[in-house]
């Protein structure tokens, strides 16, 4: 009888031990998945912030006062400079709301600002997103996003 009772105890201990092993294996799988979800959420937020920065900077630049040549046409280089100055002013005044609050987004900058009287003012912005949980084994710890937005200038008078 003693052999049977030890055999029954082993079976019971084996079942309890397998539950612990299954729980640990499940945790080892769920933790990386959880960290991956955190990174994906950070990337989505960073892309959304970059889109918002590009839109608002383009709208701010579109309100720059128009500069005309002596023949009545719009001075492209002066308008581009005014638009770039306005967009950079927007970035300096408002980007601390994005970068300081989240801690994820760094180095918001304007890559290019072009002016065309027909198409409007085009702003391209770039931000760097630092991932909260870096991907191990040589994965990237940050990602760069670029956004582009075009806005029609407000102050340009139509030529007839």
C-alpha atoms as a PDB file:
ATOM      1  CA  UNK A   1       0.000   0.000   0.000  1.00  0.00           C
ATOM      2  CA  UNK A   2       2.787   2.340   0.638  1.00  0.00           C
ATOM      3  CA  UNK A   3       3.835   2.143  -3.013  1.00  0.00           C
ATOM      4  CA  UNK A   4       0.373   3.100  -4.172  1.00  0.00           C
ATOM      5  CA  UNK A   5       0.069   6.021  -1.753  1.00  0.00           C
ATOM      6  CA  UNK A   6       3.425   7.454  -2.888  1.00  0.00           C
ATOM      7  CA  UNK A   7       2.355   6.941  -6.487  1.00  0.00           C
ATOM      8  CA  UNK A   8      -0.861   8.902  -5.851  1.00  0.00           C
ATOM      9  CA  UNK A   9       1.090  11.680  -4.140  1.00  0.00           C
ATOM     10  CA  UNK A  10       3.445  11.936  -7.099  1.00  0.00           C
ATOM     11  CA  UNK A  11       0.551  12.264  -9.491  1.00  0.00           C
ATOM     12  CA  UNK A  12      -1.004  15.002  -7.420  1.00  0.00           C
ATOM     13  CA  UNK A  13       2.297  16.849  -7.096  1.00  0.00           C
ATOM     14  CA  UNK A  14       2.903  16.487 -10.827  1.00  0.00           C
ATOM     15  CA  UNK A  15      -0.424  18.116 -11.662  1.00  0.00           C
ATOM     16  CA  UNK A  16       0.179  21.010  -9.278  1.00  0.00           C
ATOM     17  CA  UNK A  17       3.697  21.485 -10.632  1.00  0.00           C
ATOM     18  CA  UNK A  18       2.457  21.564 -14.208  1.00  0.00           C
ATOM     19  CA  UNK A  19       0.032  24.354 -13.311  1.00  0.00           C
ATOM     20  CA  UNK A  20       2.908  26.433 -11.959  1.00  0.00           C
ATOM     21  CA  UNK A  21       5.004  25.733 -15.055  1.00  0.00           C
ATOM     22  CA  UNK A  22       2.111  26.667 -17.354  1.00  0.00           C
ATOM     23  CA  UNK A  23       1.538  29.892 -15.405  1.00  0.00           C
ATOM     24  CA  UNK A  24       5.223  30.852 -15.605  1.00  0.00           C
ATOM     25  CA  UNK A  25       5.357  30.055 -19.319  1.00  0.00           C
ATOM     26  CA  UNK A  26       2.245  32.142 -19.907  1.00  0.00           C
ATOM     27  CA  UNK A  27       3.737  35.056 -17.983  1.00  0.00           C
ATOM     28  CA  UNK A  28       6.971  34.800 -19.971  1.00  0.00           C
ATOM     29  CA  UNK A  29       4.936  35.124 -23.173  1.00  0.00           C
ATOM     30  CA  UNK A  30       2.542  37.834 -21.944  1.00  0.00           C
ATOM     31  CA  UNK A  31       5.190  40.236 -20.594  1.00  0.00           C
ATOM     32  CA  UNK A  32       6.912  40.803 -23.984  1.00  0.00           C
ATOM     33  CA  UNK A  33       3.506  41.139 -25.653  1.00  0.00           C
ATOM     34  CA  UNK A  34       2.545  43.755 -23.058  1.00  0.00           C
ATOM     35  CA  UNK A  35       5.789  45.686 -23.673  1.00  0.00           C
ATOM     36  CA  UNK A  36       5.202  45.496 -27.432  1.00  0.00           C
ATOM     37  CA  UNK A  37       1.728  46.972 -26.956  1.00  0.00           C
ATOM     38  CA  UNK A  38       3.207  49.847 -24.936  1.00  0.00           C
ATOM     39  CA  UNK A  39       5.639  50.594 -27.790  1.00  0.00           C
ATOM     40  CA  UNK A  40       2.864  50.442 -30.402  1.00  0.00           C
ATOM     41  CA  UNK A  41       0.729  52.859 -28.385  1.00  0.00           C
ATOM     42  CA  UNK A  42       3.699  55.237 -28.078  1.00  0.00           C
ATOM     43  CA  UNK A  43       4.282  55.101 -31.836  1.00  0.00           C
ATOM     44  CA  UNK A  44       0.635  55.840 -32.611  1.00  0.00           C
ATOM     45  CA  UNK A  45       0.631  58.795 -30.202  1.00  0.00           C
ATOM     46  CA  UNK A  46       3.893  60.146 -31.684  1.00  0.00           C
ATOM     47  CA  UNK A  47       2.558  59.952 -35.247  1.00  0.00           C
ATOM     48  CA  UNK A  48      -0.624  61.709 -34.178  1.00  0.00           C
ATOM     49  CA  UNK A  49       1.394  64.461 -32.489  1.00  0.00           C
ATOM     50  CA  UNK A  50       3.554  64.905 -35.595  1.00  0.00           C
ATOM     51  CA  UNK A  51       0.468  65.234 -37.816  1.00  0.00           C
ATOM     52  CA  UNK A  52      -0.990  67.807 -35.451  1.00  0.00           C
ATOM     53  CA  UNK A  53       2.256  69.803 -35.351  1.00  0.00           C
ATOM     54  CA  UNK A  54       2.447  69.858 -39.168  1.00  0.00           C
ATOM     55  CA  UNK A  55      -1.192  70.956 -39.544  1.00  0.00           C
ATOM     56  CA  UNK A  56      -1.001  73.680 -36.932  1.00  0.00           C
ATOM     57  CA  UNK A  57       2.369  74.984 -38.164  1.00  0.00           C
ATOM     58  CA  UNK A  58       1.028  75.155 -41.743  1.00  0.00           C
ATOM     59  CA  UNK A  59      -2.089  77.000 -40.579  1.00  0.00           C
ATOM     60  CA  UNK A  60       0.037  79.400 -38.572  1.00  0.00           C
ATOM     61  CA  UNK A  61       2.365  79.949 -41.552  1.00  0.00           C
ATOM     62  CA  UNK A  62      -0.601  80.519 -43.879  1.00  0.00           C
ATOM     63  CA  UNK A  63      -1.574  83.530 -41.808  1.00  0.00           C
ATOM     64  CA  UNK A  64       1.761  85.243 -42.475  1.00  0.00           C
ATOM     65  CA  UNK A  65       1.234  88.604 -44.194  1.00  0.00           C
ATOM     66  CA  UNK A  66       1.679  88.505 -47.960  1.00  0.00           C
ATOM     67  CA  UNK A  67       4.631  90.320 -49.524  1.00  0.00           C
ATOM     68  CA  UNK A  68       4.143  91.720 -53.030  1.00  0.00           C
ATOM     69  CA  UNK A  69       6.622  92.748 -55.716  1.00  0.00           C
ATOM     70  CA  UNK A  70       6.404  96.113 -57.422  1.00  0.00           C
ATOM     71  CA  UNK A  71       4.494  94.525 -60.322  1.00  0.00           C
ATOM     72  CA  UNK A  72       1.778  93.221 -57.970  1.00  0.00           C
ATOM     73  CA  UNK A  73       2.845  89.567 -57.924  1.00  0.00           C
ATOM     74  CA  UNK A  74       3.567  87.707 -54.716  1.00  0.00           C
ATOM     75  CA  UNK A  75       7.246  87.659 -53.718  1.00  0.00           C
ATOM     76  CA  UNK A  76       7.887  83.913 -53.303  1.00  0.00           C
ATOM     77  CA  UNK A  77      11.136  84.107 -51.330  1.00  0.00           C
ATOM     78  CA  UNK A  78       9.791  86.695 -48.875  1.00  0.00           C
ATOM     79  CA  UNK A  79       6.585  84.703 -48.414  1.00  0.00           C
ATOM     80  CA  UNK A  80       8.555  81.515 -47.844  1.00  0.00           C
ATOM     81  CA  UNK A  81      10.740  83.247 -45.267  1.00  0.00           C
ATOM     82  CA  UNK A  82       7.691  84.739 -43.518  1.00  0.00           C
ATOM     83  CA  UNK A  83       5.919  81.378 -43.523  1.00  0.00           C
ATOM     84  CA  UNK A  84       8.985  79.594 -42.150  1.00  0.00           C
ATOM     85  CA  UNK A  85       9.373  82.201 -39.414  1.00  0.00           C
ATOM     86  CA  UNK A  86       5.695  81.875 -38.474  1.00  0.00           C
ATOM     87  CA  UNK A  87       5.882  78.072 -38.409  1.00  0.00           C
ATOM     88  CA  UNK A  88       9.033  78.102 -36.269  1.00  0.00           C
ATOM     89  CA  UNK A  89       7.361  80.560 -33.902  1.00  0.00           C
ATOM     90  CA  UNK A  90       4.437  78.147 -33.570  1.00  0.00           C
ATOM     91  CA  UNK A  91       6.848  75.293 -32.885  1.00  0.00           C
ATOM     92  CA  UNK A  92       8.704  77.236 -30.184  1.00  0.00           C
ATOM     93  CA  UNK A  93       5.513  78.382 -28.460  1.00  0.00           C
ATOM     94  CA  UNK A  94       3.491  75.179 -28.558  1.00  0.00           C
ATOM     95  CA  UNK A  95       5.683  72.101 -28.870  1.00  0.00           C
ATOM     96  CA  UNK A  96       6.602  72.045 -25.204  1.00  0.00           C
ATOM     97  CA  UNK A  97       2.987  70.950 -24.682  1.00  0.00           C
ATOM     98  CA  UNK A  98       3.731  67.791 -26.655  1.00  0.00           C
ATOM     99  CA  UNK A  99       7.332  67.042 -25.770  1.00  0.00           C
ATOM    100  CA  UNK A 100       7.222  67.870 -22.074  1.00  0.00           C
ATOM    101  CA  UNK A 101       3.963  66.154 -21.230  1.00  0.00           C
ATOM    102  CA  UNK A 102       4.580  62.781 -22.831  1.00  0.00           C
ATOM    103  CA  UNK A 103       8.347  62.427 -22.603  1.00  0.00           C
ATOM    104  CA  UNK A 104       8.084  60.225 -25.687  1.00  0.00           C
ATOM    105  CA  UNK A 105       8.434  62.878 -28.393  1.00  0.00           C
ATOM    106  CA  UNK A 106      11.732  64.724 -28.748  1.00  0.00           C
ATOM    107  CA  UNK A 107      13.265  67.125 -31.264  1.00  0.00           C
ATOM    108  CA  UNK A 108      10.234  68.451 -33.108  1.00  0.00           C
ATOM    109  CA  UNK A 109      11.533  70.455 -36.053  1.00  0.00           C
ATOM    110  CA  UNK A 110      10.508  71.864 -39.409  1.00  0.00           C
ATOM    111  CA  UNK A 111      12.321  70.044 -42.211  1.00  0.00           C
ATOM    112  CA  UNK A 112      11.094  72.231 -45.040  1.00  0.00           C
ATOM    113  CA  UNK A 113       8.738  75.063 -45.773  1.00  0.00           C
ATOM    114  CA  UNK A 114       7.880  75.823 -49.391  1.00  0.00           C
ATOM    115  CA  UNK A 115       5.583  78.452 -50.821  1.00  0.00           C
ATOM    116  CA  UNK A 116       3.754  78.264 -54.115  1.00  0.00           C
ATOM    117  CA  UNK A 117       1.040  80.840 -54.965  1.00  0.00           C
ATOM    118  CA  UNK A 118      -1.108  78.137 -56.596  1.00  0.00           C
ATOM    119  CA  UNK A 119      -0.679  75.226 -54.179  1.00  0.00           C
ATOM    120  CA  UNK A 120      -0.092  77.174 -50.971  1.00  0.00           C
ATOM    121  CA  UNK A 121       2.359  76.719 -48.129  1.00  0.00           C
ATOM    122  CA  UNK A 122       3.692  73.235 -47.559  1.00  0.00           C
ATOM    123  CA  UNK A 123       5.241  72.362 -44.201  1.00  0.00           C
ATOM    124  CA  UNK A 124       7.143  69.146 -43.512  1.00  0.00           C
ATOM    125  CA  UNK A 125       7.858  68.405 -39.858  1.00  0.00           C
ATOM    126  CA  UNK A 126       9.949  65.720 -38.228  1.00  0.00           C
ATOM    127  CA  UNK A 127       9.936  64.338 -34.706  1.00  0.00           C
ATOM    128  CA  UNK A 128      11.843  61.611 -32.921  1.00  0.00           C
ATOM    129  CA  UNK A 129       9.915  59.151 -30.780  1.00  0.00           C
ATOM    130  CA  UNK A 130      11.855  57.460 -27.983  1.00  0.00           C
ATOM    131  CA  UNK A 131      10.313  54.066 -27.314  1.00  0.00           C
ATOM    132  CA  UNK A 132       9.384  53.526 -23.653  1.00  0.00           C
ATOM    133  CA  UNK A 133      10.549  49.903 -23.796  1.00  0.00           C
ATOM    134  CA  UNK A 134      13.501  49.477 -26.144  1.00  0.00           C
ATOM    135  CA  UNK A 135      13.414  46.398 -28.341  1.00  0.00           C
ATOM    136  CA  UNK A 136      16.125  43.999 -27.108  1.00  0.00           C
ATOM    137  CA  UNK A 137      18.906  42.431 -29.172  1.00  0.00           C
ATOM    138  CA  UNK A 138      19.719  45.380 -31.397  1.00  0.00           C
ATOM    139  CA  UNK A 139      16.237  46.727 -32.031  1.00  0.00           C
ATOM    140  CA  UNK A 140      15.651  50.452 -32.433  1.00  0.00           C
ATOM    141  CA  UNK A 141      15.281  52.578 -29.317  1.00  0.00           C
ATOM    142  CA  UNK A 142      13.784  55.493 -31.266  1.00  0.00           C
ATOM    143  CA  UNK A 143      11.898  56.150 -34.492  1.00  0.00           C
ATOM    144  CA  UNK A 144      11.668  59.244 -36.681  1.00  0.00           C
ATOM    145  CA  UNK A 145       8.332  60.416 -38.071  1.00  0.00           C
ATOM    146  CA  UNK A 146       7.712  62.976 -40.811  1.00  0.00           C
ATOM    147  CA  UNK A 147       4.436  64.679 -41.584  1.00  0.00           C
ATOM    148  CA  UNK A 148       3.456  66.976 -44.428  1.00  0.00           C
ATOM    149  CA  UNK A 149       0.618  69.447 -44.625  1.00  0.00           C
ATOM    150  CA  UNK A 150      -0.336  72.074 -47.192  1.00  0.00           C
ATOM    151  CA  UNK A 151      -2.438  75.123 -46.400  1.00  0.00           C
ATOM    152  CA  UNK A 152      -3.658  77.906 -48.666  1.00  0.00           C
ATOM    153  CA  UNK A 153      -2.303  81.333 -47.699  1.00  0.00           C
ATOM    154  CA  UNK A 154      -4.891  83.624 -46.158  1.00  0.00           C
ATOM    155  CA  UNK A 155      -3.563  87.065 -47.085  1.00  0.00           C
ATOM    156  CA  UNK A 156      -2.965  86.673 -50.849  1.00  0.00           C
ATOM    157  CA  UNK A 157      -5.296  88.684 -53.056  1.00  0.00           C
ATOM    158  CA  UNK A 158      -6.407  86.985 -56.285  1.00  0.00           C
ATOM    159  CA  UNK A 159      -4.984  88.523 -59.443  1.00  0.00           C
ATOM    160  CA  UNK A 160      -7.419  89.207 -62.256  1.00  0.00           C
END
